[in-house]
């Protein structure tokens, strides 16, 4: 009898452990909806395709459905999505009889997010294409959608030329910082990246904190040049856009570019980075010229590794023109 009881207890412990493991697996999802058990006045959202950076989602990836920042439905994939047989994701309406927000508000915009399991990364830039439905929540409604998602947003190409580094044919490659700033005062920093601009003035700027649909100014910062802003706010409508500062002076805020050999360039000479080219910059270049300074230094405006008379002439001309940063007030 004791042996039988011991065996029962042993198998009971195994069963409890297995059930615990199942619970852990069930709760291992990244996206957890705010509702439990049966959904209230549910909406059925069918997804016929979900592409991330050009590739379909895989086993273990997740799709989350959000009303603002509240997850109202999710699905963890066990295999790639078959367009012939779309997956179904249930979203629940907010139950007015409960005190907490436990579902979507009808009429609000449907937001999609992706959890990429292999990267352990949440992707929030998803562009939905609706085959049926209008992109907003409807109690007891349905929608059929395909998703095109992006882990990073790109400005490609981003074209710019630095006056001192451009010889009229090609540019000495150098690094710049590209900032994306809000289109409204106080123009807060939204994202930034440091990149190398090649000899043609081309580069690719990638951002992983920027959101599709949000307006921004493009700001170029270089170690000895005037900070330069895009003429108007820009926006990502998909995962990629392009911008060319070299095509016309009107590409920069305040037309703050200089014409050189058929191209528009960013002014060189702000050696101390105080947003104006003046006597302070001139003195710094003059001093390094007298000292015979060499290397990758701010006073070397033409990128030849020396601070010399060519650099001095360039900063003098721009200081005489009282060149300064121009940006929205």
C-alpha atoms as a PDB file:
ATOM      1  CA  UNK A   1       0.000   0.000   0.000  1.00  0.00           C
ATOM      2  CA  UNK A   2       2.819   2.379   0.879  1.00  0.00           C
ATOM      3  CA  UNK A   3       4.537   1.570  -2.415  1.00  0.00           C
ATOM      4  CA  UNK A   4       1.331   2.320  -4.336  1.00  0.00           C
ATOM      5  CA  UNK A   5       0.906   5.642  -2.528  1.00  0.00           C
ATOM      6  CA  UNK A   6       4.525   6.553  -3.189  1.00  0.00           C
ATOM      7  CA  UNK A   7       4.092   5.793  -6.881  1.00  0.00           C
ATOM      8  CA  UNK A   8       0.933   7.900  -7.056  1.00  0.00           C
ATOM      9  CA  UNK A   9       2.703  10.833  -5.415  1.00  0.00           C
ATOM     10  CA  UNK A  10       5.687  10.405  -7.730  1.00  0.00           C
ATOM     11  CA  UNK A  11       3.600  10.499 -10.901  1.00  0.00           C
ATOM     12  CA  UNK A  12       1.542  13.357  -9.461  1.00  0.00           C
ATOM     13  CA  UNK A  13       4.736  15.382  -9.050  1.00  0.00           C
ATOM     14  CA  UNK A  14       5.745  14.612 -12.626  1.00  0.00           C
ATOM     15  CA  UNK A  15       2.316  15.679 -13.878  1.00  0.00           C
ATOM     16  CA  UNK A  16       2.447  18.903 -11.859  1.00  0.00           C
ATOM     17  CA  UNK A  17       5.940  19.631 -13.191  1.00  0.00           C
ATOM     18  CA  UNK A  18       4.771  18.989 -16.744  1.00  0.00           C
ATOM     19  CA  UNK A  19       1.760  21.228 -16.244  1.00  0.00           C
ATOM     20  CA  UNK A  20       4.081  23.886 -14.833  1.00  0.00           C
ATOM     21  CA  UNK A  21       6.296  23.573 -17.891  1.00  0.00           C
ATOM     22  CA  UNK A  22       3.259  23.964 -20.140  1.00  0.00           C
ATOM     23  CA  UNK A  23       2.251  27.065 -18.205  1.00  0.00           C
ATOM     24  CA  UNK A  24       5.721  28.511 -18.661  1.00  0.00           C
ATOM     25  CA  UNK A  25       5.583  27.825 -22.380  1.00  0.00           C
ATOM     26  CA  UNK A  26       2.138  29.377 -22.680  1.00  0.00           C
ATOM     27  CA  UNK A  27       3.298  32.481 -20.813  1.00  0.00           C
ATOM     28  CA  UNK A  28       6.546  32.789 -22.731  1.00  0.00           C
ATOM     29  CA  UNK A  29       4.923  34.973 -25.386  1.00  0.00           C
ATOM     30  CA  UNK A  30       6.322  38.463 -25.735  1.00  0.00           C
ATOM     31  CA  UNK A  31       2.974  40.133 -26.425  1.00  0.00           C
ATOM     32  CA  UNK A  32       0.386  39.565 -23.681  1.00  0.00           C
ATOM     33  CA  UNK A  33      -3.144  40.888 -24.360  1.00  0.00           C
ATOM     34  CA  UNK A  34      -4.876  42.798 -21.569  1.00  0.00           C
ATOM     35  CA  UNK A  35      -7.922  40.504 -21.619  1.00  0.00           C
ATOM     36  CA  UNK A  36      -8.290  36.950 -20.345  1.00  0.00           C
ATOM     37  CA  UNK A  37     -10.629  34.045 -21.048  1.00  0.00           C
ATOM     38  CA  UNK A  38     -13.411  34.978 -23.472  1.00  0.00           C
ATOM     39  CA  UNK A  39     -13.030  38.204 -25.514  1.00  0.00           C
ATOM     40  CA  UNK A  40     -15.762  40.841 -25.270  1.00  0.00           C
ATOM     41  CA  UNK A  41     -17.408  41.731 -28.604  1.00  0.00           C
ATOM     42  CA  UNK A  42     -14.327  40.455 -30.459  1.00  0.00           C
ATOM     43  CA  UNK A  43     -12.890  41.591 -33.752  1.00  0.00           C
ATOM     44  CA  UNK A  44     -11.292  38.949 -35.956  1.00  0.00           C
ATOM     45  CA  UNK A  45      -8.197  40.210 -37.789  1.00  0.00           C
ATOM     46  CA  UNK A  46      -6.839  37.906 -40.489  1.00  0.00           C
ATOM     47  CA  UNK A  47      -3.212  38.278 -41.558  1.00  0.00           C
ATOM     48  CA  UNK A  48      -2.407  36.896 -45.012  1.00  0.00           C
ATOM     49  CA  UNK A  49       1.290  37.855 -44.994  1.00  0.00           C
ATOM     50  CA  UNK A  50       3.817  39.407 -42.628  1.00  0.00           C
ATOM     51  CA  UNK A  51       7.168  40.481 -44.078  1.00  0.00           C
ATOM     52  CA  UNK A  52      10.097  41.853 -42.056  1.00  0.00           C
ATOM     53  CA  UNK A  53      12.898  43.503 -44.036  1.00  0.00           C
ATOM     54  CA  UNK A  54      11.822  41.577 -47.129  1.00  0.00           C
ATOM     55  CA  UNK A  55      11.614  38.149 -45.467  1.00  0.00           C
ATOM     56  CA  UNK A  56       8.523  36.325 -44.115  1.00  0.00           C
ATOM     57  CA  UNK A  57       8.119  35.816 -40.392  1.00  0.00           C
ATOM     58  CA  UNK A  58       9.153  32.419 -39.021  1.00  0.00           C
ATOM     59  CA  UNK A  59       8.214  29.903 -36.384  1.00  0.00           C
ATOM     60  CA  UNK A  60       8.383  31.561 -32.946  1.00  0.00           C
ATOM     61  CA  UNK A  61       7.844  35.109 -34.205  1.00  0.00           C
ATOM     62  CA  UNK A  62       4.825  37.018 -32.913  1.00  0.00           C
ATOM     63  CA  UNK A  63       2.311  39.533 -34.190  1.00  0.00           C
ATOM     64  CA  UNK A  64       0.792  41.921 -31.663  1.00  0.00           C
ATOM     65  CA  UNK A  65      -2.293  44.065 -32.173  1.00  0.00           C
ATOM     66  CA  UNK A  66      -2.385  47.317 -30.240  1.00  0.00           C
ATOM     67  CA  UNK A  67      -4.784  50.130 -29.401  1.00  0.00           C
ATOM     68  CA  UNK A  68      -2.294  52.916 -28.627  1.00  0.00           C
ATOM     69  CA  UNK A  69       0.106  51.165 -26.197  1.00  0.00           C
ATOM     70  CA  UNK A  70      -2.343  48.477 -25.069  1.00  0.00           C
ATOM     71  CA  UNK A  71      -2.027  44.963 -26.488  1.00  0.00           C
ATOM     72  CA  UNK A  72      -5.535  43.767 -27.364  1.00  0.00           C
ATOM     73  CA  UNK A  73      -4.607  40.632 -29.310  1.00  0.00           C
ATOM     74  CA  UNK A  74      -1.607  38.542 -30.342  1.00  0.00           C
ATOM     75  CA  UNK A  75      -0.513  35.427 -32.150  1.00  0.00           C
ATOM     76  CA  UNK A  76       2.678  33.392 -31.893  1.00  0.00           C
ATOM     77  CA  UNK A  77       3.532  31.683 -35.172  1.00  0.00           C
ATOM     78  CA  UNK A  78       4.174  27.956 -35.305  1.00  0.00           C
ATOM     79  CA  UNK A  79       5.045  28.152 -39.019  1.00  0.00           C
ATOM     80  CA  UNK A  80       5.306  30.775 -41.776  1.00  0.00           C
ATOM     81  CA  UNK A  81       2.003  32.333 -42.811  1.00  0.00           C
ATOM     82  CA  UNK A  82       0.335  30.761 -45.830  1.00  0.00           C
ATOM     83  CA  UNK A  83      -1.388  33.476 -47.914  1.00  0.00           C
ATOM     84  CA  UNK A  84      -3.994  30.931 -49.006  1.00  0.00           C
ATOM     85  CA  UNK A  85      -4.913  30.309 -45.372  1.00  0.00           C
ATOM     86  CA  UNK A  86      -4.472  33.552 -43.361  1.00  0.00           C
ATOM     87  CA  UNK A  87      -3.965  33.328 -39.616  1.00  0.00           C
ATOM     88  CA  UNK A  88      -6.658  34.697 -37.327  1.00  0.00           C
ATOM     89  CA  UNK A  89      -5.912  37.036 -34.419  1.00  0.00           C
ATOM     90  CA  UNK A  90      -8.720  37.850 -31.994  1.00  0.00           C
ATOM     91  CA  UNK A  91      -8.874  41.340 -30.496  1.00  0.00           C
ATOM     92  CA  UNK A  92     -11.248  42.137 -27.648  1.00  0.00           C
ATOM     93  CA  UNK A  93     -13.359  45.261 -27.160  1.00  0.00           C
ATOM     94  CA  UNK A  94     -12.934  47.140 -23.892  1.00  0.00           C
ATOM     95  CA  UNK A  95     -15.579  45.813 -21.499  1.00  0.00           C
ATOM     96  CA  UNK A  96     -17.451  48.820 -20.014  1.00  0.00           C
ATOM     97  CA  UNK A  97     -18.435  46.745 -16.965  1.00  0.00           C
ATOM     98  CA  UNK A  98     -14.814  46.408 -15.816  1.00  0.00           C
ATOM     99  CA  UNK A  99     -12.824  49.162 -14.147  1.00  0.00           C
ATOM    100  CA  UNK A 100      -9.575  48.484 -16.063  1.00  0.00           C
ATOM    101  CA  UNK A 101      -8.898  49.041 -19.743  1.00  0.00           C
ATOM    102  CA  UNK A 102      -9.136  45.482 -21.077  1.00  0.00           C
ATOM    103  CA  UNK A 103      -9.626  45.895 -24.823  1.00  0.00           C
ATOM    104  CA  UNK A 104      -9.803  48.234 -27.785  1.00  0.00           C
ATOM    105  CA  UNK A 105     -11.931  51.320 -28.259  1.00  0.00           C
ATOM    106  CA  UNK A 106     -14.079  51.051 -31.401  1.00  0.00           C
ATOM    107  CA  UNK A 107     -13.023  53.559 -34.062  1.00  0.00           C
ATOM    108  CA  UNK A 108      -9.397  53.766 -32.909  1.00  0.00           C
ATOM    109  CA  UNK A 109      -6.577  52.939 -35.339  1.00  0.00           C
ATOM    110  CA  UNK A 110      -5.285  49.368 -35.408  1.00  0.00           C
ATOM    111  CA  UNK A 111      -1.541  49.235 -34.686  1.00  0.00           C
ATOM    112  CA  UNK A 112       0.628  46.213 -35.436  1.00  0.00           C
ATOM    113  CA  UNK A 113       3.926  45.239 -33.838  1.00  0.00           C
ATOM    114  CA  UNK A 114       6.251  42.309 -34.473  1.00  0.00           C
ATOM    115  CA  UNK A 115       8.398  40.318 -32.077  1.00  0.00           C
ATOM    116  CA  UNK A 116      11.330  38.837 -33.992  1.00  0.00           C
ATOM    117  CA  UNK A 117      12.325  35.862 -31.883  1.00  0.00           C
ATOM    118  CA  UNK A 118      15.776  35.257 -33.387  1.00  0.00           C
ATOM    119  CA  UNK A 119      16.757  38.892 -32.748  1.00  0.00           C
ATOM    120  CA  UNK A 120      14.891  39.240 -29.423  1.00  0.00           C
ATOM    121  CA  UNK A 121      13.690  42.534 -30.847  1.00  0.00           C
ATOM    122  CA  UNK A 122      10.341  44.307 -30.949  1.00  0.00           C
ATOM    123  CA  UNK A 123       9.567  45.878 -34.324  1.00  0.00           C
ATOM    124  CA  UNK A 124       7.100  48.780 -34.249  1.00  0.00           C
ATOM    125  CA  UNK A 125       7.246  50.001 -37.862  1.00  0.00           C
ATOM    126  CA  UNK A 126       4.669  47.971 -39.762  1.00  0.00           C
ATOM    127  CA  UNK A 127       2.780  49.214 -42.815  1.00  0.00           C
ATOM    128  CA  UNK A 128      -0.579  47.427 -43.177  1.00  0.00           C
ATOM    129  CA  UNK A 129      -2.310  46.894 -46.502  1.00  0.00           C
ATOM    130  CA  UNK A 130      -5.986  46.130 -45.988  1.00  0.00           C
ATOM    131  CA  UNK A 131      -7.722  43.796 -48.403  1.00  0.00           C
ATOM    132  CA  UNK A 132     -10.886  44.121 -46.338  1.00  0.00           C
ATOM    133  CA  UNK A 133     -11.483  46.525 -43.473  1.00  0.00           C
ATOM    134  CA  UNK A 134     -10.512  50.161 -43.030  1.00  0.00           C
ATOM    135  CA  UNK A 135      -7.707  50.032 -40.451  1.00  0.00           C
ATOM    136  CA  UNK A 136      -9.741  50.862 -37.361  1.00  0.00           C
ATOM    137  CA  UNK A 137     -11.277  48.703 -34.644  1.00  0.00           C
ATOM    138  CA  UNK A 138     -14.882  47.513 -35.015  1.00  0.00           C
ATOM    139  CA  UNK A 139     -16.646  45.451 -32.356  1.00  0.00           C
ATOM    140  CA  UNK A 140     -17.810  42.152 -33.898  1.00  0.00           C
ATOM    141  CA  UNK A 141     -16.032  43.238 -37.094  1.00  0.00           C
ATOM    142  CA  UNK A 142     -13.279  41.678 -39.185  1.00  0.00           C
ATOM    143  CA  UNK A 143     -10.384  42.708 -41.417  1.00  0.00           C
ATOM    144  CA  UNK A 144      -7.939  41.027 -43.794  1.00  0.00           C
ATOM    145  CA  UNK A 145      -4.481  42.562 -43.902  1.00  0.00           C
ATOM    146  CA  UNK A 146      -0.907  42.002 -45.050  1.00  0.00           C
ATOM    147  CA  UNK A 147       2.012  43.542 -43.158  1.00  0.00           C
ATOM    148  CA  UNK A 148       5.281  45.017 -44.436  1.00  0.00           C
ATOM    149  CA  UNK A 149       7.546  45.687 -41.442  1.00  0.00           C
ATOM    150  CA  UNK A 150      10.959  47.300 -41.050  1.00  0.00           C
ATOM    151  CA  UNK A 151      13.536  46.863 -38.277  1.00  0.00           C
ATOM    152  CA  UNK A 152      15.260  50.085 -39.406  1.00  0.00           C
ATOM    153  CA  UNK A 153      14.185  53.083 -41.450  1.00  0.00           C
ATOM    154  CA  UNK A 154      16.645  54.324 -44.069  1.00  0.00           C
ATOM    155  CA  UNK A 155      17.452  57.530 -45.882  1.00  0.00           C
ATOM    156  CA  UNK A 156      19.014  56.014 -48.977  1.00  0.00           C
ATOM    157  CA  UNK A 157      20.659  57.688 -50.610  1.00  0.00           C
ATOM    158  CA  UNK A 158      21.437  60.664 -48.420  1.00  0.00           C
ATOM    159  CA  UNK A 159      23.566  62.996 -50.537  1.00  0.00           C
ATOM    160  CA  UNK A 160      25.688  65.847 -49.214  1.00  0.00           C
ATOM    161  CA  UNK A 161      29.015  67.511 -49.967  1.00  0.00           C
ATOM    162  CA  UNK A 162      31.337  69.345 -47.573  1.00  0.00           C
ATOM    163  CA  UNK A 163      32.719  72.526 -49.167  1.00  0.00           C
ATOM    164  CA  UNK A 164      36.334  72.154 -48.032  1.00  0.00           C
ATOM    165  CA  UNK A 165      36.504  68.420 -48.773  1.00  0.00           C
ATOM    166  CA  UNK A 166      34.997  68.710 -52.272  1.00  0.00           C
ATOM    167  CA  UNK A 167      37.517  69.501 -55.016  1.00  0.00           C
ATOM    168  CA  UNK A 168      34.924  69.930 -57.737  1.00  0.00           C
ATOM    169  CA  UNK A 169      35.145  66.314 -58.894  1.00  0.00           C
ATOM    170  CA  UNK A 170      35.020  64.180 -55.793  1.00  0.00           C
ATOM    171  CA  UNK A 171      34.928  64.576 -52.036  1.00  0.00           C
ATOM    172  CA  UNK A 172      37.408  63.405 -49.453  1.00  0.00           C
ATOM    173  CA  UNK A 173      35.360  60.780 -47.546  1.00  0.00           C
ATOM    174  CA  UNK A 174      34.593  61.757 -43.964  1.00  0.00           C
ATOM    175  CA  UNK A 175      32.159  60.990 -41.165  1.00  0.00           C
ATOM    176  CA  UNK A 176      29.122  63.087 -40.285  1.00  0.00           C
ATOM    177  CA  UNK A 177      26.408  62.825 -37.659  1.00  0.00           C
ATOM    178  CA  UNK A 178      22.893  62.739 -39.070  1.00  0.00           C
ATOM    179  CA  UNK A 179      20.164  63.749 -36.648  1.00  0.00           C
ATOM    180  CA  UNK A 180      16.403  63.508 -37.036  1.00  0.00           C
ATOM    181  CA  UNK A 181      14.669  66.258 -35.065  1.00  0.00           C
ATOM    182  CA  UNK A 182      11.003  66.816 -34.341  1.00  0.00           C
ATOM    183  CA  UNK A 183       9.258  69.235 -36.689  1.00  0.00           C
ATOM    184  CA  UNK A 184       7.833  71.256 -33.788  1.00  0.00           C
ATOM    185  CA  UNK A 185       9.617  73.441 -31.239  1.00  0.00           C
ATOM    186  CA  UNK A 186      11.759  72.665 -29.264  1.00  0.00           C
ATOM    187  CA  UNK A 187      12.766  70.290 -32.109  1.00  0.00           C
ATOM    188  CA  UNK A 188      13.730  67.449 -29.817  1.00  0.00           C
ATOM    189  CA  UNK A 189      16.194  64.813 -31.015  1.00  0.00           C
ATOM    190  CA  UNK A 190      14.300  61.743 -32.240  1.00  0.00           C
ATOM    191  CA  UNK A 191      17.206  59.626 -33.481  1.00  0.00           C
ATOM    192  CA  UNK A 192      20.729  59.976 -34.809  1.00  0.00           C
ATOM    193  CA  UNK A 193      23.477  58.005 -36.477  1.00  0.00           C
ATOM    194  CA  UNK A 194      27.128  58.488 -37.406  1.00  0.00           C
ATOM    195  CA  UNK A 195      28.113  57.455 -40.924  1.00  0.00           C
ATOM    196  CA  UNK A 196      30.774  57.767 -43.601  1.00  0.00           C
ATOM    197  CA  UNK A 197      30.033  59.904 -46.650  1.00  0.00           C
ATOM    198  CA  UNK A 198      31.840  58.508 -49.686  1.00  0.00           C
ATOM    199  CA  UNK A 199      33.742  60.309 -52.455  1.00  0.00           C
ATOM    200  CA  UNK A 200      30.539  60.924 -54.449  1.00  0.00           C
ATOM    201  CA  UNK A 201      28.801  62.512 -51.463  1.00  0.00           C
ATOM    202  CA  UNK A 202      26.494  59.531 -51.008  1.00  0.00           C
ATOM    203  CA  UNK A 203      25.649  57.620 -47.848  1.00  0.00           C
ATOM    204  CA  UNK A 204      22.932  55.503 -46.263  1.00  0.00           C
ATOM    205  CA  UNK A 205      21.527  56.642 -42.908  1.00  0.00           C
ATOM    206  CA  UNK A 206      19.740  53.991 -40.820  1.00  0.00           C
ATOM    207  CA  UNK A 207      17.551  54.642 -37.787  1.00  0.00           C
ATOM    208  CA  UNK A 208      15.954  52.163 -35.397  1.00  0.00           C
ATOM    209  CA  UNK A 209      14.075  54.554 -33.073  1.00  0.00           C
ATOM    210  CA  UNK A 210      12.198  56.545 -35.697  1.00  0.00           C
ATOM    211  CA  UNK A 211       8.534  55.874 -36.455  1.00  0.00           C
ATOM    212  CA  UNK A 212       6.824  55.774 -39.817  1.00  0.00           C
ATOM    213  CA  UNK A 213       4.498  58.741 -40.259  1.00  0.00           C
ATOM    214  CA  UNK A 214       6.269  61.085 -37.835  1.00  0.00           C
ATOM    215  CA  UNK A 215       7.593  64.331 -39.320  1.00  0.00           C
ATOM    216  CA  UNK A 216      11.221  65.338 -38.792  1.00  0.00           C
ATOM    217  CA  UNK A 217      13.982  67.647 -39.956  1.00  0.00           C
ATOM    218  CA  UNK A 218      17.232  66.141 -41.234  1.00  0.00           C
ATOM    219  CA  UNK A 219      20.222  67.781 -39.537  1.00  0.00           C
ATOM    220  CA  UNK A 220      23.816  67.328 -40.734  1.00  0.00           C
ATOM    221  CA  UNK A 221      26.672  67.901 -38.284  1.00  0.00           C
ATOM    222  CA  UNK A 222      30.321  67.721 -39.352  1.00  0.00           C
ATOM    223  CA  UNK A 223      33.452  68.309 -37.267  1.00  0.00           C
ATOM    224  CA  UNK A 224      34.422  71.632 -38.917  1.00  0.00           C
ATOM    225  CA  UNK A 225      31.349  72.632 -40.924  1.00  0.00           C
ATOM    226  CA  UNK A 226      28.151  74.601 -40.313  1.00  0.00           C
ATOM    227  CA  UNK A 227      25.266  72.585 -38.908  1.00  0.00           C
ATOM    228  CA  UNK A 228      22.753  72.311 -41.761  1.00  0.00           C
ATOM    229  CA  UNK A 229      19.006  71.521 -41.611  1.00  0.00           C
ATOM    230  CA  UNK A 230      16.712  70.261 -44.345  1.00  0.00           C
ATOM    231  CA  UNK A 231      14.488  72.920 -45.874  1.00  0.00           C
ATOM    232  CA  UNK A 232      11.232  71.293 -44.766  1.00  0.00           C
ATOM    233  CA  UNK A 233      10.187  68.486 -42.440  1.00  0.00           C
ATOM    234  CA  UNK A 234      10.378  65.019 -43.962  1.00  0.00           C
ATOM    235  CA  UNK A 235       8.445  61.818 -43.237  1.00  0.00           C
ATOM    236  CA  UNK A 236       8.882  58.081 -43.721  1.00  0.00           C
ATOM    237  CA  UNK A 237       5.807  56.661 -45.455  1.00  0.00           C
ATOM    238  CA  UNK A 238       7.538  53.310 -45.802  1.00  0.00           C
ATOM    239  CA  UNK A 239      10.886  51.887 -44.765  1.00  0.00           C
ATOM    240  CA  UNK A 240      12.949  54.075 -47.046  1.00  0.00           C
ATOM    241  CA  UNK A 241      13.151  57.646 -48.284  1.00  0.00           C
ATOM    242  CA  UNK A 242      15.861  59.755 -49.958  1.00  0.00           C
ATOM    243  CA  UNK A 243      17.263  63.266 -49.628  1.00  0.00           C
ATOM    244  CA  UNK A 244      19.762  65.280 -51.675  1.00  0.00           C
ATOM    245  CA  UNK A 245      21.376  68.409 -50.209  1.00  0.00           C
ATOM    246  CA  UNK A 246      23.552  68.830 -53.324  1.00  0.00           C
ATOM    247  CA  UNK A 247      20.857  69.427 -55.954  1.00  0.00           C
ATOM    248  CA  UNK A 248      19.729  72.946 -54.990  1.00  0.00           C
ATOM    249  CA  UNK A 249      20.198  75.552 -52.280  1.00  0.00           C
ATOM    250  CA  UNK A 250      16.514  75.210 -51.464  1.00  0.00           C
ATOM    251  CA  UNK A 251      17.238  71.765 -50.020  1.00  0.00           C
ATOM    252  CA  UNK A 252      18.666  73.468 -46.910  1.00  0.00           C
ATOM    253  CA  UNK A 253      16.810  75.573 -44.381  1.00  0.00           C
ATOM    254  CA  UNK A 254      17.424  79.225 -45.203  1.00  0.00           C
ATOM    255  CA  UNK A 255      19.110  78.166 -48.475  1.00  0.00           C
ATOM    256  CA  UNK A 256      22.223  77.811 -46.313  1.00  0.00           C
ATOM    257  CA  UNK A 257      24.481  76.100 -48.871  1.00  0.00           C
ATOM    258  CA  UNK A 258      27.378  77.261 -51.070  1.00  0.00           C
ATOM    259  CA  UNK A 259      27.639  76.600 -54.821  1.00  0.00           C
ATOM    260  CA  UNK A 260      30.836  74.907 -55.962  1.00  0.00           C
ATOM    261  CA  UNK A 261      31.586  73.267 -59.333  1.00  0.00           C
ATOM    262  CA  UNK A 262      27.922  72.692 -60.145  1.00  0.00           C
ATOM    263  CA  UNK A 263      26.954  71.277 -56.752  1.00  0.00           C
ATOM    264  CA  UNK A 264      25.581  72.751 -53.541  1.00  0.00           C
ATOM    265  CA  UNK A 265      27.793  72.156 -50.510  1.00  0.00           C
ATOM    266  CA  UNK A 266      27.683  72.564 -46.745  1.00  0.00           C
ATOM    267  CA  UNK A 267      29.817  75.497 -45.577  1.00  0.00           C
ATOM    268  CA  UNK A 268      33.200  74.625 -44.065  1.00  0.00           C
ATOM    269  CA  UNK A 269      34.955  76.606 -41.332  1.00  0.00           C
ATOM    270  CA  UNK A 270      33.054  76.243 -38.064  1.00  0.00           C
ATOM    271  CA  UNK A 271      36.120  74.837 -36.385  1.00  0.00           C
ATOM    272  CA  UNK A 272      34.975  75.363 -32.779  1.00  0.00           C
ATOM    273  CA  UNK A 273      31.401  74.253 -33.534  1.00  0.00           C
ATOM    274  CA  UNK A 274      29.662  77.311 -32.074  1.00  0.00           C
ATOM    275  CA  UNK A 275      27.277  77.617 -35.077  1.00  0.00           C
ATOM    276  CA  UNK A 276      29.059  80.591 -36.669  1.00  0.00           C
ATOM    277  CA  UNK A 277      32.179  81.008 -38.796  1.00  0.00           C
ATOM    278  CA  UNK A 278      34.019  84.016 -37.369  1.00  0.00           C
ATOM    279  CA  UNK A 279      37.335  85.385 -36.116  1.00  0.00           C
ATOM    280  CA  UNK A 280      37.568  82.681 -33.443  1.00  0.00           C
ATOM    281  CA  UNK A 281      37.678  79.994 -36.127  1.00  0.00           C
ATOM    282  CA  UNK A 282      40.077  82.101 -38.185  1.00  0.00           C
ATOM    283  CA  UNK A 283      42.466  82.417 -35.247  1.00  0.00           C
ATOM    284  CA  UNK A 284      42.395  78.664 -34.614  1.00  0.00           C
ATOM    285  CA  UNK A 285      43.261  77.907 -38.226  1.00  0.00           C
ATOM    286  CA  UNK A 286      45.925  80.645 -38.299  1.00  0.00           C
ATOM    287  CA  UNK A 287      47.579  79.299 -35.138  1.00  0.00           C
ATOM    288  CA  UNK A 288      47.667  75.717 -36.415  1.00  0.00           C
ATOM    289  CA  UNK A 289      48.994  76.970 -39.740  1.00  0.00           C
ATOM    290  CA  UNK A 290      51.873  78.769 -38.010  1.00  0.00           C
ATOM    291  CA  UNK A 291      52.560  75.696 -35.860  1.00  0.00           C
ATOM    292  CA  UNK A 292      52.533  73.406 -38.898  1.00  0.00           C
ATOM    293  CA  UNK A 293      49.822  71.203 -37.386  1.00  0.00           C
ATOM    294  CA  UNK A 294      49.213  67.852 -39.065  1.00  0.00           C
ATOM    295  CA  UNK A 295      46.744  64.985 -38.830  1.00  0.00           C
ATOM    296  CA  UNK A 296      42.997  64.479 -38.656  1.00  0.00           C
ATOM    297  CA  UNK A 297      42.313  67.820 -36.985  1.00  0.00           C
ATOM    298  CA  UNK A 298      39.403  70.315 -37.172  1.00  0.00           C
ATOM    299  CA  UNK A 299      41.559  73.101 -38.618  1.00  0.00           C
ATOM    300  CA  UNK A 300      42.351  71.014 -41.698  1.00  0.00           C
ATOM    301  CA  UNK A 301      39.354  71.993 -43.834  1.00  0.00           C
ATOM    302  CA  UNK A 302      40.372  70.370 -47.110  1.00  0.00           C
ATOM    303  CA  UNK A 303      41.290  67.005 -45.599  1.00  0.00           C
ATOM    304  CA  UNK A 304      44.892  66.793 -46.824  1.00  0.00           C
ATOM    305  CA  UNK A 305      46.299  66.193 -43.333  1.00  0.00           C
ATOM    306  CA  UNK A 306      47.819  69.675 -42.977  1.00  0.00           C
ATOM    307  CA  UNK A 307      46.576  73.048 -41.728  1.00  0.00           C
ATOM    308  CA  UNK A 308      47.810  75.406 -44.425  1.00  0.00           C
ATOM    309  CA  UNK A 309      47.055  78.525 -46.432  1.00  0.00           C
ATOM    310  CA  UNK A 310      44.160  76.926 -48.369  1.00  0.00           C
ATOM    311  CA  UNK A 311      42.346  76.247 -45.094  1.00  0.00           C
ATOM    312  CA  UNK A 312      43.052  79.781 -43.903  1.00  0.00           C
ATOM    313  CA  UNK A 313      41.649  81.349 -47.081  1.00  0.00           C
ATOM    314  CA  UNK A 314      38.482  79.241 -46.892  1.00  0.00           C
ATOM    315  CA  UNK A 315      37.687  80.099 -43.278  1.00  0.00           C
ATOM    316  CA  UNK A 316      38.485  83.777 -43.950  1.00  0.00           C
ATOM    317  CA  UNK A 317      36.022  84.013 -46.848  1.00  0.00           C
ATOM    318  CA  UNK A 318      33.211  82.330 -44.882  1.00  0.00           C
ATOM    319  CA  UNK A 319      33.931  84.435 -41.786  1.00  0.00           C
ATOM    320  CA  UNK A 320      33.756  87.567 -43.935  1.00  0.00           C
ATOM    321  CA  UNK A 321      30.366  86.346 -45.204  1.00  0.00           C
ATOM    322  CA  UNK A 322      29.219  85.890 -41.572  1.00  0.00           C
ATOM    323  CA  UNK A 323      28.056  82.349 -42.314  1.00  0.00           C
ATOM    324  CA  UNK A 324      26.085  80.813 -39.447  1.00  0.00           C
ATOM    325  CA  UNK A 325      23.673  77.991 -38.751  1.00  0.00           C
ATOM    326  CA  UNK A 326      20.145  78.569 -39.966  1.00  0.00           C
ATOM    327  CA  UNK A 327      17.318  76.539 -38.465  1.00  0.00           C
ATOM    328  CA  UNK A 328      13.660  76.922 -37.498  1.00  0.00           C
ATOM    329  CA  UNK A 329      13.043  79.176 -34.496  1.00  0.00           C
END
